[in-house]
N, C-alpha and C. Protein backbone atom coordinates (compact mmCIF):
# COMPACT_ATOMS: atom_id res chain seq x y z
N MET A 1 -19.16 -6.69 -7.18
CA MET A 1 -18.28 -7.81 -6.97
C MET A 1 -17.29 -7.46 -5.86
N ALA A 2 -17.68 -7.77 -4.65
CA ALA A 2 -16.89 -7.38 -3.47
C ALA A 2 -15.48 -7.94 -3.52
N ASN A 3 -15.31 -9.19 -3.97
CA ASN A 3 -13.99 -9.79 -4.02
C ASN A 3 -13.10 -9.06 -5.03
N SER A 4 -13.62 -8.75 -6.21
CA SER A 4 -12.86 -8.01 -7.21
C SER A 4 -12.47 -6.65 -6.68
N ASP A 5 -13.40 -5.99 -6.01
CA ASP A 5 -13.13 -4.67 -5.45
C ASP A 5 -11.96 -4.73 -4.47
N SER A 6 -11.99 -5.66 -3.56
CA SER A 6 -10.91 -5.74 -2.56
C SER A 6 -9.59 -6.15 -3.22
N GLU A 7 -9.63 -7.03 -4.21
CA GLU A 7 -8.41 -7.42 -4.92
C GLU A 7 -7.80 -6.24 -5.66
N LEU A 8 -8.66 -5.41 -6.29
CA LEU A 8 -8.16 -4.25 -7.03
C LEU A 8 -7.61 -3.19 -6.08
N ARG A 9 -8.26 -3.00 -4.97
CA ARG A 9 -7.73 -2.05 -3.97
C ARG A 9 -6.36 -2.51 -3.49
N ALA A 10 -6.20 -3.81 -3.30
CA ALA A 10 -4.90 -4.36 -2.90
C ALA A 10 -3.86 -4.14 -4.00
N LEU A 11 -4.26 -4.27 -5.26
CA LEU A 11 -3.37 -4.03 -6.39
C LEU A 11 -2.84 -2.60 -6.36
N PHE A 12 -3.73 -1.63 -6.14
CA PHE A 12 -3.31 -0.22 -6.13
C PHE A 12 -2.50 0.10 -4.88
N ASP A 13 -2.80 -0.55 -3.77
CA ASP A 13 -1.97 -0.39 -2.57
C ASP A 13 -0.55 -0.91 -2.84
N GLU A 14 -0.48 -2.07 -3.47
CA GLU A 14 0.82 -2.66 -3.81
C GLU A 14 1.58 -1.75 -4.77
N ARG A 15 0.89 -1.15 -5.72
CA ARG A 15 1.56 -0.23 -6.65
C ARG A 15 2.19 0.92 -5.88
N ALA A 16 1.47 1.50 -4.93
CA ALA A 16 1.99 2.62 -4.14
C ALA A 16 3.24 2.21 -3.36
N VAL A 17 3.20 1.03 -2.76
CA VAL A 17 4.35 0.55 -1.97
C VAL A 17 5.54 0.28 -2.90
N ALA A 18 5.30 -0.40 -4.01
CA ALA A 18 6.38 -0.74 -4.95
C ALA A 18 6.98 0.51 -5.58
N MET A 19 6.14 1.47 -5.94
CA MET A 19 6.64 2.74 -6.50
C MET A 19 7.47 3.46 -5.44
N GLY A 20 6.94 3.50 -4.22
CA GLY A 20 7.66 4.18 -3.14
C GLY A 20 9.05 3.61 -2.93
N ALA A 21 9.16 2.30 -3.05
CA ALA A 21 10.44 1.62 -2.86
C ALA A 21 11.30 1.65 -4.12
N LYS A 22 10.74 2.14 -5.22
CA LYS A 22 11.43 2.15 -6.52
C LYS A 22 11.87 0.73 -6.89
N ASP A 23 11.00 -0.23 -6.61
CA ASP A 23 11.27 -1.65 -6.86
C ASP A 23 10.68 -2.01 -8.22
N ILE A 24 11.52 -1.94 -9.25
CA ILE A 24 11.03 -2.10 -10.62
C ILE A 24 10.38 -3.46 -10.85
N GLU A 25 10.88 -4.51 -10.26
CA GLU A 25 10.28 -5.83 -10.50
C GLU A 25 8.90 -5.92 -9.87
N ARG A 26 8.74 -5.40 -8.67
CA ARG A 26 7.41 -5.39 -8.02
C ARG A 26 6.44 -4.53 -8.81
N VAL A 27 6.91 -3.39 -9.28
CA VAL A 27 6.04 -2.50 -10.06
C VAL A 27 5.59 -3.20 -11.34
N MET A 28 6.54 -3.72 -12.09
CA MET A 28 6.21 -4.30 -13.39
C MET A 28 5.33 -5.54 -13.28
N ALA A 29 5.38 -6.23 -12.15
CA ALA A 29 4.52 -7.41 -11.95
C ALA A 29 3.05 -7.02 -11.91
N LEU A 30 2.75 -5.75 -11.73
CA LEU A 30 1.37 -5.28 -11.64
C LEU A 30 0.78 -4.90 -12.99
N TYR A 31 1.61 -4.80 -14.00
CA TYR A 31 1.19 -4.35 -15.32
C TYR A 31 1.20 -5.51 -16.32
N ALA A 32 0.24 -5.49 -17.23
CA ALA A 32 0.18 -6.50 -18.29
C ALA A 32 1.29 -6.24 -19.31
N PRO A 33 1.75 -7.29 -20.01
CA PRO A 33 2.79 -7.10 -21.02
C PRO A 33 2.38 -6.12 -22.12
N ASP A 34 1.08 -6.02 -22.41
CA ASP A 34 0.59 -5.16 -23.49
C ASP A 34 0.04 -3.82 -22.96
N VAL A 35 0.50 -3.38 -21.80
CA VAL A 35 0.01 -2.16 -21.18
C VAL A 35 0.19 -0.96 -22.11
N VAL A 36 -0.77 -0.05 -22.02
CA VAL A 36 -0.67 1.26 -22.68
C VAL A 36 -0.74 2.29 -21.57
N TYR A 37 0.26 3.17 -21.52
CA TYR A 37 0.43 4.10 -20.41
C TYR A 37 0.50 5.53 -20.94
N PHE A 38 -0.40 6.37 -20.46
CA PHE A 38 -0.40 7.80 -20.79
C PHE A 38 0.14 8.53 -19.57
N ASP A 39 1.29 9.16 -19.71
CA ASP A 39 1.97 9.79 -18.59
C ASP A 39 1.91 11.31 -18.69
N LEU A 40 2.43 11.97 -17.67
CA LEU A 40 2.50 13.42 -17.67
C LEU A 40 3.50 13.96 -18.68
N VAL A 41 4.49 13.16 -18.98
CA VAL A 41 5.60 13.60 -19.82
C VAL A 41 5.53 12.92 -21.19
N PRO A 42 6.14 13.55 -22.21
CA PRO A 42 6.17 12.93 -23.54
C PRO A 42 6.88 11.60 -23.49
N PRO A 43 6.55 10.74 -24.46
CA PRO A 43 5.69 10.93 -25.62
C PRO A 43 4.21 10.83 -25.27
N LEU A 44 3.36 10.79 -26.25
CA LEU A 44 1.92 10.72 -26.01
C LEU A 44 1.52 9.45 -25.28
N ARG A 45 2.26 8.38 -25.52
CA ARG A 45 1.93 7.11 -24.86
C ARG A 45 3.16 6.22 -24.83
N TYR A 46 3.17 5.34 -23.85
CA TYR A 46 4.16 4.27 -23.74
C TYR A 46 3.39 2.98 -24.00
N VAL A 47 3.87 2.16 -24.93
CA VAL A 47 3.16 0.94 -25.29
C VAL A 47 4.03 -0.26 -24.97
N GLY A 48 3.50 -1.14 -24.15
CA GLY A 48 4.19 -2.38 -23.80
C GLY A 48 5.02 -2.25 -22.54
N ALA A 49 5.24 -3.39 -21.92
CA ALA A 49 5.96 -3.45 -20.65
C ALA A 49 7.39 -2.95 -20.78
N ASP A 50 8.06 -3.20 -21.89
CA ASP A 50 9.45 -2.75 -22.04
C ASP A 50 9.52 -1.23 -22.04
N ALA A 51 8.62 -0.58 -22.73
CA ALA A 51 8.60 0.89 -22.77
C ALA A 51 8.28 1.46 -21.39
N LEU A 52 7.35 0.83 -20.70
CA LEU A 52 6.98 1.31 -19.37
C LEU A 52 8.12 1.09 -18.38
N ARG A 53 8.77 -0.04 -18.46
CA ARG A 53 9.93 -0.31 -17.60
C ARG A 53 10.99 0.78 -17.81
N ALA A 54 11.28 1.10 -19.06
CA ALA A 54 12.28 2.13 -19.35
C ALA A 54 11.84 3.48 -18.78
N ARG A 55 10.57 3.79 -18.87
CA ARG A 55 10.06 5.05 -18.32
C ARG A 55 10.27 5.11 -16.81
N PHE A 56 9.89 4.06 -16.11
CA PHE A 56 10.05 4.04 -14.65
C PHE A 56 11.53 4.08 -14.26
N LEU A 57 12.38 3.36 -14.99
CA LEU A 57 13.81 3.35 -14.68
C LEU A 57 14.44 4.72 -14.92
N ASP A 58 13.85 5.52 -15.78
CA ASP A 58 14.29 6.91 -15.97
C ASP A 58 13.78 7.80 -14.83
N TRP A 59 12.57 7.52 -14.34
CA TRP A 59 11.92 8.36 -13.33
C TRP A 59 12.45 8.11 -11.92
N PHE A 60 12.65 6.87 -11.56
CA PHE A 60 13.04 6.53 -10.18
C PHE A 60 14.29 7.27 -9.71
N PRO A 61 15.37 7.33 -10.49
CA PRO A 61 16.59 7.98 -10.00
C PRO A 61 16.46 9.50 -9.82
N ARG A 62 15.41 10.07 -10.32
CA ARG A 62 15.21 11.52 -10.15
C ARG A 62 14.84 11.87 -8.71
N TRP A 63 14.45 10.87 -7.94
CA TRP A 63 14.02 11.05 -6.55
C TRP A 63 15.15 10.66 -5.61
N HIS A 64 15.36 11.47 -4.58
CA HIS A 64 16.30 11.15 -3.51
C HIS A 64 15.48 10.44 -2.42
N GLY A 65 15.77 9.20 -2.21
CA GLY A 65 15.00 8.45 -1.23
C GLY A 65 13.70 7.93 -1.83
N PRO A 66 12.78 7.51 -0.96
CA PRO A 66 11.53 6.91 -1.44
C PRO A 66 10.63 7.93 -2.14
N ILE A 67 9.78 7.41 -3.00
CA ILE A 67 8.75 8.21 -3.67
C ILE A 67 7.46 8.03 -2.88
N GLY A 68 7.01 9.09 -2.26
CA GLY A 68 5.74 9.00 -1.54
C GLY A 68 4.58 8.85 -2.51
N GLN A 69 3.76 7.87 -2.28
CA GLN A 69 2.58 7.62 -3.11
C GLN A 69 1.41 7.32 -2.18
N GLN A 70 0.40 8.14 -2.23
CA GLN A 70 -0.76 7.95 -1.36
C GLN A 70 -2.02 8.02 -2.23
N THR A 71 -2.75 6.93 -2.30
CA THR A 71 -3.98 6.86 -3.09
C THR A 71 -5.15 7.39 -2.27
N GLN A 72 -5.94 8.27 -2.89
CA GLN A 72 -7.12 8.82 -2.24
C GLN A 72 -8.30 8.78 -3.19
N GLU A 73 -9.48 8.72 -2.63
CA GLU A 73 -10.74 8.77 -3.38
C GLU A 73 -10.81 7.72 -4.49
N LEU A 74 -10.35 6.51 -4.17
CA LEU A 74 -10.37 5.41 -5.13
C LEU A 74 -11.79 4.93 -5.36
N GLU A 75 -12.18 4.88 -6.62
CA GLU A 75 -13.48 4.33 -7.03
C GLU A 75 -13.22 3.20 -8.01
N VAL A 76 -13.82 2.04 -7.78
CA VAL A 76 -13.60 0.86 -8.60
C VAL A 76 -14.94 0.37 -9.14
N SER A 77 -14.94 -0.02 -10.40
CA SER A 77 -16.09 -0.66 -11.02
C SER A 77 -15.56 -1.91 -11.73
N ALA A 78 -16.07 -3.09 -11.32
CA ALA A 78 -15.48 -4.33 -11.83
C ALA A 78 -16.53 -5.41 -12.01
N ASP A 79 -16.27 -6.28 -12.98
CA ASP A 79 -16.98 -7.55 -13.03
C ASP A 79 -15.91 -8.61 -12.77
N ASP A 80 -16.12 -9.82 -13.22
CA ASP A 80 -15.14 -10.86 -12.89
C ASP A 80 -13.92 -10.87 -13.82
N ARG A 81 -13.94 -10.08 -14.91
CA ARG A 81 -12.82 -10.10 -15.87
C ARG A 81 -12.16 -8.75 -16.12
N VAL A 82 -12.93 -7.67 -16.11
CA VAL A 82 -12.38 -6.34 -16.41
C VAL A 82 -12.82 -5.34 -15.35
N ALA A 83 -12.04 -4.29 -15.21
CA ALA A 83 -12.35 -3.28 -14.21
C ALA A 83 -11.82 -1.92 -14.66
N THR A 84 -12.45 -0.90 -14.15
CA THR A 84 -11.93 0.45 -14.27
C THR A 84 -11.82 1.03 -12.87
N ALA A 85 -10.91 1.95 -12.73
CA ALA A 85 -10.74 2.62 -11.44
C ALA A 85 -10.25 4.03 -11.71
N HIS A 86 -10.66 4.94 -10.84
CA HIS A 86 -10.08 6.28 -10.89
C HIS A 86 -9.81 6.73 -9.48
N MET A 87 -8.80 7.58 -9.34
CA MET A 87 -8.34 7.98 -8.02
C MET A 87 -7.51 9.24 -8.13
N LEU A 88 -7.24 9.82 -6.99
CA LEU A 88 -6.23 10.87 -6.88
C LEU A 88 -5.03 10.24 -6.20
N VAL A 89 -3.86 10.57 -6.68
CA VAL A 89 -2.64 10.04 -6.07
C VAL A 89 -1.76 11.22 -5.67
N ARG A 90 -1.45 11.26 -4.39
CA ARG A 90 -0.53 12.27 -3.87
C ARG A 90 0.88 11.73 -4.03
N ALA A 91 1.70 12.48 -4.76
CA ALA A 91 3.12 12.14 -4.93
C ALA A 91 3.92 13.15 -4.13
N TYR A 92 4.84 12.65 -3.32
CA TYR A 92 5.61 13.56 -2.49
C TYR A 92 6.97 12.97 -2.17
N GLY A 93 7.91 13.85 -1.90
CA GLY A 93 9.25 13.42 -1.55
C GLY A 93 10.25 14.48 -1.92
N THR A 94 11.50 14.06 -1.99
CA THR A 94 12.59 14.97 -2.30
C THR A 94 13.25 14.53 -3.60
N MET A 95 13.45 15.50 -4.47
CA MET A 95 14.10 15.23 -5.74
C MET A 95 15.62 15.23 -5.53
N GLN A 96 16.35 14.70 -6.49
CA GLN A 96 17.81 14.64 -6.38
C GLN A 96 18.44 16.02 -6.21
N ASP A 97 17.79 17.07 -6.75
CA ASP A 97 18.34 18.42 -6.61
C ASP A 97 18.01 19.05 -5.25
N GLY A 98 17.36 18.29 -4.36
CA GLY A 98 17.03 18.77 -3.03
C GLY A 98 15.66 19.42 -2.91
N ARG A 99 15.00 19.63 -4.03
CA ARG A 99 13.68 20.25 -4.03
C ARG A 99 12.66 19.27 -3.46
N THR A 100 11.81 19.76 -2.55
CA THR A 100 10.74 18.95 -2.00
C THR A 100 9.50 19.16 -2.84
N VAL A 101 8.82 18.06 -3.19
CA VAL A 101 7.59 18.15 -3.98
C VAL A 101 6.46 17.48 -3.22
N ASP A 102 5.25 17.96 -3.50
CA ASP A 102 4.05 17.40 -2.88
C ASP A 102 2.88 17.85 -3.75
N TYR A 103 2.37 16.96 -4.58
CA TYR A 103 1.31 17.32 -5.51
C TYR A 103 0.40 16.12 -5.76
N PHE A 104 -0.78 16.41 -6.29
CA PHE A 104 -1.75 15.38 -6.63
C PHE A 104 -1.83 15.23 -8.14
N VAL A 105 -1.97 13.99 -8.59
CA VAL A 105 -2.27 13.69 -9.98
C VAL A 105 -3.58 12.91 -10.03
N ARG A 106 -4.21 12.96 -11.18
CA ARG A 106 -5.42 12.17 -11.42
C ARG A 106 -4.99 10.91 -12.16
N VAL A 107 -5.50 9.76 -11.73
CA VAL A 107 -5.11 8.49 -12.34
C VAL A 107 -6.37 7.69 -12.67
N THR A 108 -6.40 7.18 -13.88
CA THR A 108 -7.46 6.28 -14.31
C THR A 108 -6.80 4.99 -14.79
N ASN A 109 -7.34 3.86 -14.37
CA ASN A 109 -6.80 2.57 -14.76
C ASN A 109 -7.85 1.67 -15.38
N GLY A 110 -7.41 0.90 -16.35
CA GLY A 110 -8.18 -0.23 -16.86
C GLY A 110 -7.42 -1.48 -16.46
N CYS A 111 -8.14 -2.48 -15.97
CA CYS A 111 -7.49 -3.71 -15.50
C CYS A 111 -8.19 -4.93 -16.11
N ARG A 112 -7.42 -6.00 -16.18
CA ARG A 112 -7.95 -7.26 -16.69
C ARG A 112 -7.49 -8.37 -15.76
N ARG A 113 -8.41 -9.29 -15.47
CA ARG A 113 -8.05 -10.45 -14.65
C ARG A 113 -7.60 -11.57 -15.59
N SER A 114 -6.49 -12.19 -15.22
CA SER A 114 -5.99 -13.35 -15.95
C SER A 114 -5.68 -14.43 -14.92
N ASP A 115 -5.08 -15.50 -15.36
CA ASP A 115 -4.74 -16.58 -14.44
C ASP A 115 -3.84 -16.10 -13.30
N GLY A 116 -3.03 -15.09 -13.58
CA GLY A 116 -2.14 -14.56 -12.56
C GLY A 116 -2.75 -13.50 -11.68
N GLY A 117 -4.04 -13.24 -11.82
CA GLY A 117 -4.71 -12.20 -11.04
C GLY A 117 -4.92 -10.94 -11.85
N TRP A 118 -5.25 -9.87 -11.18
CA TRP A 118 -5.49 -8.59 -11.83
C TRP A 118 -4.19 -7.96 -12.29
N ARG A 119 -4.21 -7.41 -13.52
CA ARG A 119 -3.08 -6.66 -14.06
C ARG A 119 -3.61 -5.37 -14.67
N ILE A 120 -2.81 -4.33 -14.57
CA ILE A 120 -3.16 -3.05 -15.17
C ILE A 120 -2.85 -3.11 -16.65
N ILE A 121 -3.87 -2.86 -17.48
CA ILE A 121 -3.67 -2.89 -18.93
C ILE A 121 -3.63 -1.48 -19.52
N HIS A 122 -4.13 -0.51 -18.76
CA HIS A 122 -4.07 0.89 -19.21
C HIS A 122 -3.99 1.79 -17.99
N GLU A 123 -3.12 2.79 -18.08
CA GLU A 123 -3.03 3.78 -17.02
C GLU A 123 -2.91 5.15 -17.66
N HIS A 124 -3.67 6.08 -17.10
CA HIS A 124 -3.65 7.46 -17.59
C HIS A 124 -3.43 8.37 -16.38
N VAL A 125 -2.32 9.09 -16.39
CA VAL A 125 -1.96 10.02 -15.32
C VAL A 125 -2.05 11.42 -15.88
N SER A 126 -2.72 12.32 -15.15
CA SER A 126 -2.86 13.69 -15.67
C SER A 126 -2.86 14.71 -14.56
N LEU A 127 -2.62 15.95 -14.97
CA LEU A 127 -2.74 17.13 -14.12
C LEU A 127 -3.73 18.08 -14.77
N PRO A 128 -4.49 18.83 -13.98
CA PRO A 128 -5.33 19.86 -14.58
C PRO A 128 -4.43 20.94 -15.19
N VAL A 129 -4.90 21.55 -16.26
CA VAL A 129 -4.14 22.61 -16.93
C VAL A 129 -4.95 23.90 -16.88
N GLU A 130 -4.28 24.96 -16.51
CA GLU A 130 -4.89 26.29 -16.54
C GLU A 130 -4.88 26.72 -18.01
N MET A 131 -6.03 26.69 -18.66
CA MET A 131 -6.09 26.90 -20.11
C MET A 131 -5.58 28.27 -20.54
N SER A 132 -5.77 29.30 -19.72
CA SER A 132 -5.34 30.65 -20.11
C SER A 132 -3.81 30.78 -20.16
N THR A 133 -3.10 29.94 -19.40
CA THR A 133 -1.64 30.03 -19.38
C THR A 133 -0.97 28.80 -20.00
N GLY A 134 -1.72 27.71 -20.13
CA GLY A 134 -1.14 26.46 -20.63
C GLY A 134 -0.27 25.76 -19.60
N ARG A 135 -0.37 26.18 -18.34
CA ARG A 135 0.46 25.59 -17.29
C ARG A 135 -0.32 24.56 -16.47
N ALA A 136 0.37 23.50 -16.13
CA ALA A 136 -0.22 22.47 -15.27
C ALA A 136 -0.38 23.04 -13.87
N ARG A 137 -1.44 22.61 -13.21
CA ARG A 137 -1.70 23.03 -11.83
C ARG A 137 -1.27 21.91 -10.89
N MET A 138 -0.19 22.15 -10.18
CA MET A 138 0.32 21.16 -9.24
C MET A 138 0.04 21.57 -7.80
N ASP A 139 -0.76 22.62 -7.62
CA ASP A 139 -1.03 23.13 -6.28
C ASP A 139 -2.43 22.75 -5.78
N LEU A 140 -3.16 21.97 -6.55
CA LEU A 140 -4.52 21.61 -6.16
C LEU A 140 -4.51 20.40 -5.23
N THR A 141 -5.47 20.39 -4.32
CA THR A 141 -5.65 19.27 -3.40
C THR A 141 -7.10 18.81 -3.52
N PRO A 142 -7.45 17.67 -2.95
CA PRO A 142 -8.83 17.20 -3.04
C PRO A 142 -9.85 18.21 -2.49
N ASP A 143 -9.41 19.09 -1.62
CA ASP A 143 -10.32 20.09 -1.03
C ASP A 143 -10.46 21.34 -1.89
N THR A 144 -9.66 21.46 -2.98
CA THR A 144 -9.73 22.69 -3.80
C THR A 144 -10.36 22.43 -5.14
């Protein structure tokens, strides 16, 4: 479904721009009211738009300036009503404490088309974990 594919790619591009700008209204417009979000940080899940909004409003101020978001290796599988996508997202920028960060996360999305267009109904963000140490690996790139 070429049209669905291009619409979903535009959705993820818009997410990157809205996240980068820390524009909570633009970000939340991309998510369904009943979204379930699995993030890098506790708790195990955020359920519903209100919980996700609170999570983003906690995260945005931790960054000094824009949040760099670059989607890579996006793969989409869609019909006319539902879709899945997986990608690598490079997050980069400067934290409020002056520390510069630049790392990749793995992101998987479930999406549903409604009258208002495509909305994200599930998002799962993860980092690989070095099992012998229990530490997340934030130094990996698509080439490693």
